[in-house]
Amino acid sequence: MPLICLASIRIEEVKAFAESKKFTMPFAPDPHRRVFSLYATQNIPRNVITGSDGKIIFQSTGYNEQEFKELETLFSHKSK
């Protein structure tokens, strides 16, 4: 299951942010929120998981450490 993090900033800023946080997942710049606007109009951070058909199967807003850990576990199992 591929994971892509959208960022509402330019590619240079995305790279610097990801490196500073030591993130290893891929980031895609979306400074004009074109992709973001397909799924929402406000609230960042927003977590959206879509199926292979593009339909939303999970979404939440904000950051919750427990939820994030559960999503990490889900993705690590799906990628094996």
PDB file of N, CA and C in Angstrom:
ATOM      1  N   MET A   1       0.859  -1.161   0.000  1.00  0.00           N
ATOM      2  CA  MET A   1       0.000   0.000   0.000  1.00  0.00           C
ATOM      3  C   MET A   1       0.906   1.225   0.000  1.00  0.00           C
ATOM      4  N   PRO A   2       0.892   2.008  -1.061  1.00  0.00           N
ATOM      5  CA  PRO A   2       1.765   3.187  -1.101  1.00  0.00           C
ATOM      6  C   PRO A   2       1.269   4.292  -0.167  1.00  0.00           C
ATOM      7  N   LEU A   3       2.210   4.981   0.415  1.00  0.00           N
ATOM      8  CA  LEU A   3       1.921   6.111   1.290  1.00  0.00           C
ATOM      9  C   LEU A   3       2.582   7.333   0.688  1.00  0.00           C
ATOM     10  N   ILE A   4       1.806   8.368   0.476  1.00  0.00           N
ATOM     11  CA  ILE A   4       2.335   9.628  -0.038  1.00  0.00           C
ATOM     12  C   ILE A   4       1.795  10.746   0.837  1.00  0.00           C
ATOM     13  N   CYS A   5       2.672  11.579   1.319  1.00  0.00           N
ATOM     14  CA  CYS A   5       2.278  12.714   2.144  1.00  0.00           C
ATOM     15  C   CYS A   5       2.243  13.962   1.283  1.00  0.00           C
ATOM     16  N   LEU A   6       1.090  14.604   1.241  1.00  0.00           N
ATOM     17  CA  LEU A   6       0.974  15.861   0.502  1.00  0.00           C
ATOM     18  C   LEU A   6       1.395  17.012   1.399  1.00  0.00           C
ATOM     19  N   ALA A   7       2.039  17.974   0.809  1.00  0.00           N
ATOM     20  CA  ALA A   7       2.470  19.150   1.562  1.00  0.00           C
ATOM     21  C   ALA A   7       2.049  20.397   0.805  1.00  0.00           C
ATOM     22  N   SER A   8       1.525  21.361   1.535  1.00  0.00           N
ATOM     23  CA  SER A   8       1.042  22.591   0.893  1.00  0.00           C
ATOM     24  C   SER A   8       2.161  23.618   0.732  1.00  0.00           C
ATOM     25  N   ILE A   9       3.373  23.126   0.554  1.00  0.00           N
ATOM     26  CA  ILE A   9       4.537  23.990   0.382  1.00  0.00           C
ATOM     27  C   ILE A   9       5.328  23.552  -0.846  1.00  0.00           C
ATOM     28  N   ARG A  10       6.300  24.368  -1.248  1.00  0.00           N
ATOM     29  CA  ARG A  10       7.103  24.073  -2.441  1.00  0.00           C
ATOM     30  C   ARG A  10       8.068  22.914  -2.182  1.00  0.00           C
ATOM     31  N   ILE A  11       8.543  22.300  -3.252  1.00  0.00           N
ATOM     32  CA  ILE A  11       9.407  21.123  -3.163  1.00  0.00           C
ATOM     33  C   ILE A  11      10.645  21.368  -2.302  1.00  0.00           C
ATOM     34  N   GLU A  12      11.254  22.546  -2.414  1.00  0.00           N
ATOM     35  CA  GLU A  12      12.449  22.844  -1.625  1.00  0.00           C
ATOM     36  C   GLU A  12      12.132  22.810  -0.131  1.00  0.00           C
ATOM     37  N   GLU A  13      10.979  23.364   0.233  1.00  0.00           N
ATOM     38  CA  GLU A  13      10.559  23.379   1.632  1.00  0.00           C
ATOM     39  C   GLU A  13      10.195  21.979   2.105  1.00  0.00           C
ATOM     40  N   VAL A  14       9.572  21.198   1.223  1.00  0.00           N
ATOM     41  CA  VAL A  14       9.204  19.819   1.558  1.00  0.00           C
ATOM     42  C   VAL A  14      10.459  19.020   1.892  1.00  0.00           C
ATOM     43  N   LYS A  15      11.466  19.120   1.029  1.00  0.00           N
ATOM     44  CA  LYS A  15      12.716  18.378   1.254  1.00  0.00           C
ATOM     45  C   LYS A  15      13.359  18.770   2.580  1.00  0.00           C
ATOM     46  N   ALA A  16      13.445  20.056   2.845  1.00  0.00           N
ATOM     47  CA  ALA A  16      14.060  20.529   4.089  1.00  0.00           C
ATOM     48  C   ALA A  16      13.271  20.048   5.306  1.00  0.00           C
ATOM     49  N   PHE A  17      11.941  20.115   5.231  1.00  0.00           N
ATOM     50  CA  PHE A  17      11.095  19.674   6.339  1.00  0.00           C
ATOM     51  C   PHE A  17      11.280  18.187   6.599  1.00  0.00           C
ATOM     52  N   ALA A  18      11.192  17.370   5.549  1.00  0.00           N
ATOM     53  CA  ALA A  18      11.320  15.920   5.696  1.00  0.00           C
ATOM     54  C   ALA A  18      12.687  15.544   6.265  1.00  0.00           C
ATOM     55  N   GLU A  19      13.729  16.193   5.781  1.00  0.00           N
ATOM     56  CA  GLU A  19      15.076  15.915   6.286  1.00  0.00           C
ATOM     57  C   GLU A  19      15.222  16.321   7.750  1.00  0.00           C
ATOM     58  N   SER A  20      14.662  17.463   8.117  1.00  0.00           N
ATOM     59  CA  SER A  20      14.791  17.935   9.502  1.00  0.00           C
ATOM     60  C   SER A  20      14.074  17.020  10.488  1.00  0.00           C
ATOM     61  N   LYS A  21      13.007  16.380  10.035  1.00  0.00           N
ATOM     62  CA  LYS A  21      12.238  15.471  10.893  1.00  0.00           C
ATOM     63  C   LYS A  21      12.674  14.018  10.739  1.00  0.00           C
ATOM     64  N   LYS A  22      13.615  13.782   9.804  1.00  0.00           N
ATOM     65  CA  LYS A  22      14.103  12.433   9.512  1.00  0.00           C
ATOM     66  C   LYS A  22      12.984  11.511   9.023  1.00  0.00           C
ATOM     67  N   PHE A  23      12.034  12.082   8.272  1.00  0.00           N
ATOM     68  CA  PHE A  23      10.966  11.284   7.679  1.00  0.00           C
ATOM     69  C   PHE A  23      11.519  10.534   6.477  1.00  0.00           C
ATOM     70  N   THR A  24      11.087   9.304   6.310  1.00  0.00           N
ATOM     71  CA  THR A  24      11.544   8.508   5.170  1.00  0.00           C
ATOM     72  C   THR A  24      10.437   8.260   4.154  1.00  0.00           C
ATOM     73  N   MET A  25       9.197   8.592   4.493  1.00  0.00           N
ATOM     74  CA  MET A  25       8.105   8.379   3.541  1.00  0.00           C
ATOM     75  C   MET A  25       8.145   9.456   2.464  1.00  0.00           C
ATOM     76  N   PRO A  26       7.590   9.148   1.290  1.00  0.00           N
ATOM     77  CA  PRO A  26       7.627  10.130   0.203  1.00  0.00           C
ATOM     78  C   PRO A  26       6.653  11.285   0.436  1.00  0.00           C
ATOM     79  N   PHE A  27       7.094  12.468   0.074  1.00  0.00           N
ATOM     80  CA  PHE A  27       6.271  13.670   0.139  1.00  0.00           C
ATOM     81  C   PHE A  27       6.053  14.189  -1.274  1.00  0.00           C
ATOM     82  N   ALA A  28       4.890  14.744  -1.508  1.00  0.00           N
ATOM     83  CA  ALA A  28       4.586  15.362  -2.797  1.00  0.00           C
ATOM     84  C   ALA A  28       4.126  16.793  -2.536  1.00  0.00           C
ATOM     85  N   PRO A  29       4.761  17.759  -3.173  1.00  0.00           N
ATOM     86  CA  PRO A  29       4.332  19.140  -2.973  1.00  0.00           C
ATOM     87  C   PRO A  29       2.982  19.389  -3.644  1.00  0.00           C
ATOM     88  N   ASP A  30       2.120  20.102  -2.958  1.00  0.00           N
ATOM     89  CA  ASP A  30       0.800  20.461  -3.491  1.00  0.00           C
ATOM     90  C   ASP A  30       0.510  21.904  -3.069  1.00  0.00           C
ATOM     91  N   PRO A  31       1.400  22.864  -3.458  1.00  0.00           N
ATOM     92  CA  PRO A  31       1.280  24.233  -2.948  1.00  0.00           C
ATOM     93  C   PRO A  31      -0.014  24.941  -3.329  1.00  0.00           C
ATOM     94  N   HIS A  32      -0.643  24.519  -4.395  1.00  0.00           N
ATOM     95  CA  HIS A  32      -1.909  25.144  -4.796  1.00  0.00           C
ATOM     96  C   HIS A  32      -3.112  24.328  -4.325  1.00  0.00           C
ATOM     97  N   ARG A  33      -2.828  23.288  -3.557  1.00  0.00           N
ATOM     98  CA  ARG A  33      -3.850  22.410  -2.953  1.00  0.00           C
ATOM     99  C   ARG A  33      -4.790  21.788  -3.980  1.00  0.00           C
ATOM    100  N   ARG A  34      -4.283  21.462  -5.130  1.00  0.00           N
ATOM    101  CA  ARG A  34      -5.127  20.846  -6.162  1.00  0.00           C
ATOM    102  C   ARG A  34      -5.571  19.446  -5.756  1.00  0.00           C
ATOM    103  N   VAL A  35      -4.640  18.640  -5.269  1.00  0.00           N
ATOM    104  CA  VAL A  35      -5.000  17.288  -4.832  1.00  0.00           C
ATOM    105  C   VAL A  35      -5.784  17.364  -3.530  1.00  0.00           C
ATOM    106  N   PHE A  36      -5.309  18.179  -2.599  1.00  0.00           N
ATOM    107  CA  PHE A  36      -5.993  18.343  -1.317  1.00  0.00           C
ATOM    108  C   PHE A  36      -7.460  18.697  -1.521  1.00  0.00           C
ATOM    109  N   SER A  37      -7.738  19.593  -2.465  1.00  0.00           N
ATOM    110  CA  SER A  37      -9.115  20.056  -2.681  1.00  0.00           C
ATOM    111  C   SER A  37     -10.026  18.969  -3.240  1.00  0.00           C
ATOM    112  N   LEU A  38      -9.463  17.877  -3.727  1.00  0.00           N
ATOM    113  CA  LEU A  38     -10.298  16.755  -4.169  1.00  0.00           C
ATOM    114  C   LEU A  38     -10.939  16.045  -2.981  1.00  0.00           C
ATOM    115  N   TYR A  39     -10.331  16.195  -1.808  1.00  0.00           N
ATOM    116  CA  TYR A  39     -10.794  15.472  -0.628  1.00  0.00           C
ATOM    117  C   TYR A  39     -11.283  16.369   0.498  1.00  0.00           C
ATOM    118  N   ALA A  40     -10.919  17.647   0.487  1.00  0.00           N
ATOM    119  CA  ALA A  40     -11.300  18.530   1.591  1.00  0.00           C
ATOM    120  C   ALA A  40     -11.165  19.982   1.172  1.00  0.00           C
ATOM    121  N   THR A  41     -11.731  20.865   1.990  1.00  0.00           N
ATOM    122  CA  THR A  41     -11.597  22.298   1.733  1.00  0.00           C
ATOM    123  C   THR A  41     -10.841  23.013   2.845  1.00  0.00           C
ATOM    124  N   GLN A  42     -10.680  22.362   3.992  1.00  0.00           N
ATOM    125  CA  GLN A  42      -9.978  22.981   5.116  1.00  0.00           C
ATOM    126  C   GLN A  42      -9.437  21.913   6.049  1.00  0.00           C
ATOM    127  N   ASN A  43      -8.761  22.347   7.075  1.00  0.00           N
ATOM    128  CA  ASN A  43      -8.194  21.525   8.145  1.00  0.00           C
ATOM    129  C   ASN A  43      -6.945  20.764   7.721  1.00  0.00           C
ATOM    130  N   ILE A  44      -5.829  21.201   8.261  1.00  0.00           N
ATOM    131  CA  ILE A  44      -4.549  20.537   8.060  1.00  0.00           C
ATOM    132  C   ILE A  44      -3.942  20.358   9.448  1.00  0.00           C
ATOM    133  N   PRO A  45      -3.356  19.267   9.823  1.00  0.00           N
ATOM    134  CA  PRO A  45      -3.173  18.112   8.954  1.00  0.00           C
ATOM    135  C   PRO A  45      -4.457  17.316   8.788  1.00  0.00           C
ATOM    136  N   ARG A  46      -4.563  16.680   7.678  1.00  0.00           N
ATOM    137  CA  ARG A  46      -5.693  15.810   7.360  1.00  0.00           C
ATOM    138  C   ARG A  46      -5.109  14.493   6.890  1.00  0.00           C
ATOM    139  N   ASN A  47      -5.648  13.425   7.393  1.00  0.00           N
ATOM    140  CA  ASN A  47      -5.197  12.089   7.028  1.00  0.00           C
ATOM    141  C   ASN A  47      -6.284  11.436   6.192  1.00  0.00           C
ATOM    142  N   VAL A  48      -5.934  11.049   4.988  1.00  0.00           N
ATOM    143  CA  VAL A  48      -6.905  10.428   4.090  1.00  0.00           C
ATOM    144  C   VAL A  48      -6.288   9.156   3.537  1.00  0.00           C
ATOM    145  N   ILE A  49      -7.018   8.069   3.651  1.00  0.00           N
ATOM    146  CA  ILE A  49      -6.590   6.812   3.045  1.00  0.00           C
ATOM    147  C   ILE A  49      -7.640   6.451   2.013  1.00  0.00           C
ATOM    148  N   THR A  50      -7.169   6.227   0.799  1.00  0.00           N
ATOM    149  CA  THR A  50      -8.085   5.867  -0.281  1.00  0.00           C
ATOM    150  C   THR A  50      -7.818   4.442  -0.731  1.00  0.00           C
ATOM    151  N   GLY A  51      -8.862   3.827  -1.266  1.00  0.00           N
ATOM    152  CA  GLY A  51      -8.708   2.513  -1.859  1.00  0.00           C
ATOM    153  C   GLY A  51      -8.116   2.654  -3.251  1.00  0.00           C
ATOM    154  N   SER A  52      -7.863   1.531  -3.891  1.00  0.00           N
ATOM    155  CA  SER A  52      -7.280   1.569  -5.235  1.00  0.00           C
ATOM    156  C   SER A  52      -8.218   2.223  -6.241  1.00  0.00           C
ATOM    157  N   ASP A  53      -9.505   2.328  -5.885  1.00  0.00           N
ATOM    158  CA  ASP A  53     -10.479   2.978  -6.761  1.00  0.00           C
ATOM    159  C   ASP A  53     -10.559   4.488  -6.525  1.00  0.00           C
ATOM    160  N   GLY A  54      -9.757   5.004  -5.576  1.00  0.00           N
ATOM    161  CA  GLY A  54      -9.748   6.433  -5.287  1.00  0.00           C
ATOM    162  C   GLY A  54     -10.786   6.866  -4.263  1.00  0.00           C
ATOM    163  N   LYS A  55     -11.629   5.948  -3.799  1.00  0.00           N
ATOM    164  CA  LYS A  55     -12.650   6.293  -2.803  1.00  0.00           C
ATOM    165  C   LYS A  55     -12.038   6.299  -1.407  1.00  0.00           C
ATOM    166  N   ILE A  56     -12.499   7.239  -0.606  1.00  0.00           N
ATOM    167  CA  ILE A  56     -11.993   7.381   0.755  1.00  0.00           C
ATOM    168  C   ILE A  56     -12.464   6.206   1.605  1.00  0.00           C
ATOM    169  N   ILE A  57     -11.501   5.550   2.289  1.00  0.00           N
ATOM    170  CA  ILE A  57     -11.860   4.475   3.209  1.00  0.00           C
ATOM    171  C   ILE A  57     -11.595   4.871   4.667  1.00  0.00           C
ATOM    172  N   PHE A  58     -10.840   5.950   4.869  1.00  0.00           N
ATOM    173  CA  PHE A  58     -10.577   6.464   6.213  1.00  0.00           C
ATOM    174  C   PHE A  58     -10.145   7.916   6.089  1.00  0.00           C
ATOM    175  N   GLN A  59     -10.598   8.738   7.034  1.00  0.00           N
ATOM    176  CA  GLN A  59     -10.062  10.093   7.102  1.00  0.00           C
ATOM    177  C   GLN A  59     -10.231  10.655   8.500  1.00  0.00           C
ATOM    178  N   SER A  60      -9.307  11.523   8.855  1.00  0.00           N
ATOM    179  CA  SER A  60      -9.366  12.210  10.139  1.00  0.00           C
ATOM    180  C   SER A  60      -8.639  13.539   9.986  1.00  0.00           C
ATOM    181  N   THR A  61      -8.845  14.410  10.946  1.00  0.00           N
ATOM    182  CA  THR A  61      -8.151  15.698  10.919  1.00  0.00           C
ATOM    183  C   THR A  61      -7.348  15.851  12.198  1.00  0.00           C
ATOM    184  N   GLY A  62      -6.340  16.682  12.114  1.00  0.00           N
ATOM    185  CA  GLY A  62      -5.497  16.911  13.271  1.00  0.00           C
ATOM    186  C   GLY A  62      -4.464  15.809  13.438  1.00  0.00           C
ATOM    187  N   TYR A  63      -3.739  15.900  14.529  1.00  0.00           N
ATOM    188  CA  TYR A  63      -2.714  14.901  14.828  1.00  0.00           C
ATOM    189  C   TYR A  63      -3.026  14.273  16.163  1.00  0.00           C
ATOM    190  N   ASN A  64      -3.112  12.951  16.172  1.00  0.00           N
ATOM    191  CA  ASN A  64      -3.338  12.181  17.380  1.00  0.00           C
ATOM    192  C   ASN A  64      -2.268  11.095  17.397  1.00  0.00           C
ATOM    193  N   GLU A  65      -1.402  11.125  18.401  1.00  0.00           N
ATOM    194  CA  GLU A  65      -0.258  10.208  18.415  1.00  0.00           C
ATOM    195  C   GLU A  65      -0.680   8.743  18.375  1.00  0.00           C
ATOM    196  N   GLN A  66      -1.708   8.364  19.127  1.00  0.00           N
ATOM    197  CA  GLN A  66      -2.159   6.970  19.140  1.00  0.00           C
ATOM    198  C   GLN A  66      -2.678   6.558  17.763  1.00  0.00           C
ATOM    199  N   GLU A  67      -3.479   7.409  17.152  1.00  0.00           N
ATOM    200  CA  GLU A  67      -3.999   7.118  15.812  1.00  0.00           C
ATOM    201  C   GLU A  67      -2.852   6.972  14.814  1.00  0.00           C
ATOM    202  N   PHE A  68      -1.864   7.853  14.908  1.00  0.00           N
ATOM    203  CA  PHE A  68      -0.727   7.810  14.000  1.00  0.00           C
ATOM    204  C   PHE A  68       0.039   6.495  14.159  1.00  0.00           C
ATOM    205  N   LYS A  69       0.227   6.037  15.396  1.00  0.00           N
ATOM    206  CA  LYS A  69       0.912   4.765  15.635  1.00  0.00           C
ATOM    207  C   LYS A  69       0.124   3.600  15.039  1.00  0.00           C
ATOM    208  N   GLU A  70      -1.201   3.639  15.165  1.00  0.00           N
ATOM    209  CA  GLU A  70      -2.033   2.583  14.587  1.00  0.00           C
ATOM    210  C   GLU A  70      -1.930   2.577  13.063  1.00  0.00           C
ATOM    211  N   LEU A  71      -1.901   3.757  12.463  1.00  0.00           N
ATOM    212  CA  LEU A  71      -1.751   3.842  11.008  1.00  0.00           C
ATOM    213  C   LEU A  71      -0.374   3.345  10.577  1.00  0.00           C
ATOM    214  N   GLU A  72       0.664   3.675  11.350  1.00  0.00           N
ATOM    215  CA  GLU A  72       2.008   3.172  11.042  1.00  0.00           C
ATOM    216  C   GLU A  72       2.029   1.651  11.059  1.00  0.00           C
ATOM    217  N   THR A  73       1.391   1.066  12.061  1.00  0.00           N
ATOM    218  CA  THR A  73       1.327  -0.393  12.158  1.00  0.00           C
ATOM    219  C   THR A  73       0.581  -0.972  10.968  1.00  0.00           C
ATOM    220  N   LEU A  74      -0.538  -0.380  10.616  1.00  0.00           N
ATOM    221  CA  LEU A  74      -1.320  -0.840   9.469  1.00  0.00           C
ATOM    222  C   LEU A  74      -0.478  -0.804   8.199  1.00  0.00           C
ATOM    223  N   PHE A  75       0.201   0.303   7.953  1.00  0.00           N
ATOM    224  CA  PHE A  75       1.002   0.430   6.739  1.00  0.00           C
ATOM    225  C   PHE A  75       2.197  -0.513   6.742  1.00  0.00           C
ATOM    226  N   SER A  76       2.803  -0.725   7.900  1.00  0.00           N
ATOM    227  CA  SER A  76       3.963  -1.620   7.934  1.00  0.00           C
ATOM    228  C   SER A  76       3.540  -3.056   7.649  1.00  0.00           C
ATOM    229  N   HIS A  77       2.351  -3.452   8.075  1.00  0.00           N
ATOM    230  CA  HIS A  77       1.860  -4.806   7.793  1.00  0.00           C
ATOM    231  C   HIS A  77       1.446  -4.951   6.334  1.00  0.00           C
ATOM    232  N   LYS A  78       0.841  -3.908   5.775  1.00  0.00           N
ATOM    233  CA  LYS A  78       0.382  -3.960   4.385  1.00  0.00           C
ATOM    234  C   LYS A  78       1.547  -3.979   3.406  1.00  0.00           C
ATOM    235  N   SER A  79       2.676  -3.399   3.794  1.00  0.00           N
ATOM    236  CA  SER A  79       3.801  -3.307   2.867  1.00  0.00           C
ATOM    237  C   SER A  79       4.657  -4.570   2.851  1.00  0.00           C
ATOM    238  N   LYS A  80       4.367  -5.524   3.723  1.00  0.00           N
ATOM    239  CA  LYS A  80       5.153  -6.774   3.774  1.00  0.00           C
ATOM    240  C   LYS A  80       4.612  -7.805   2.816  1.00  0.00           C
TER     241      LYS A  80
END
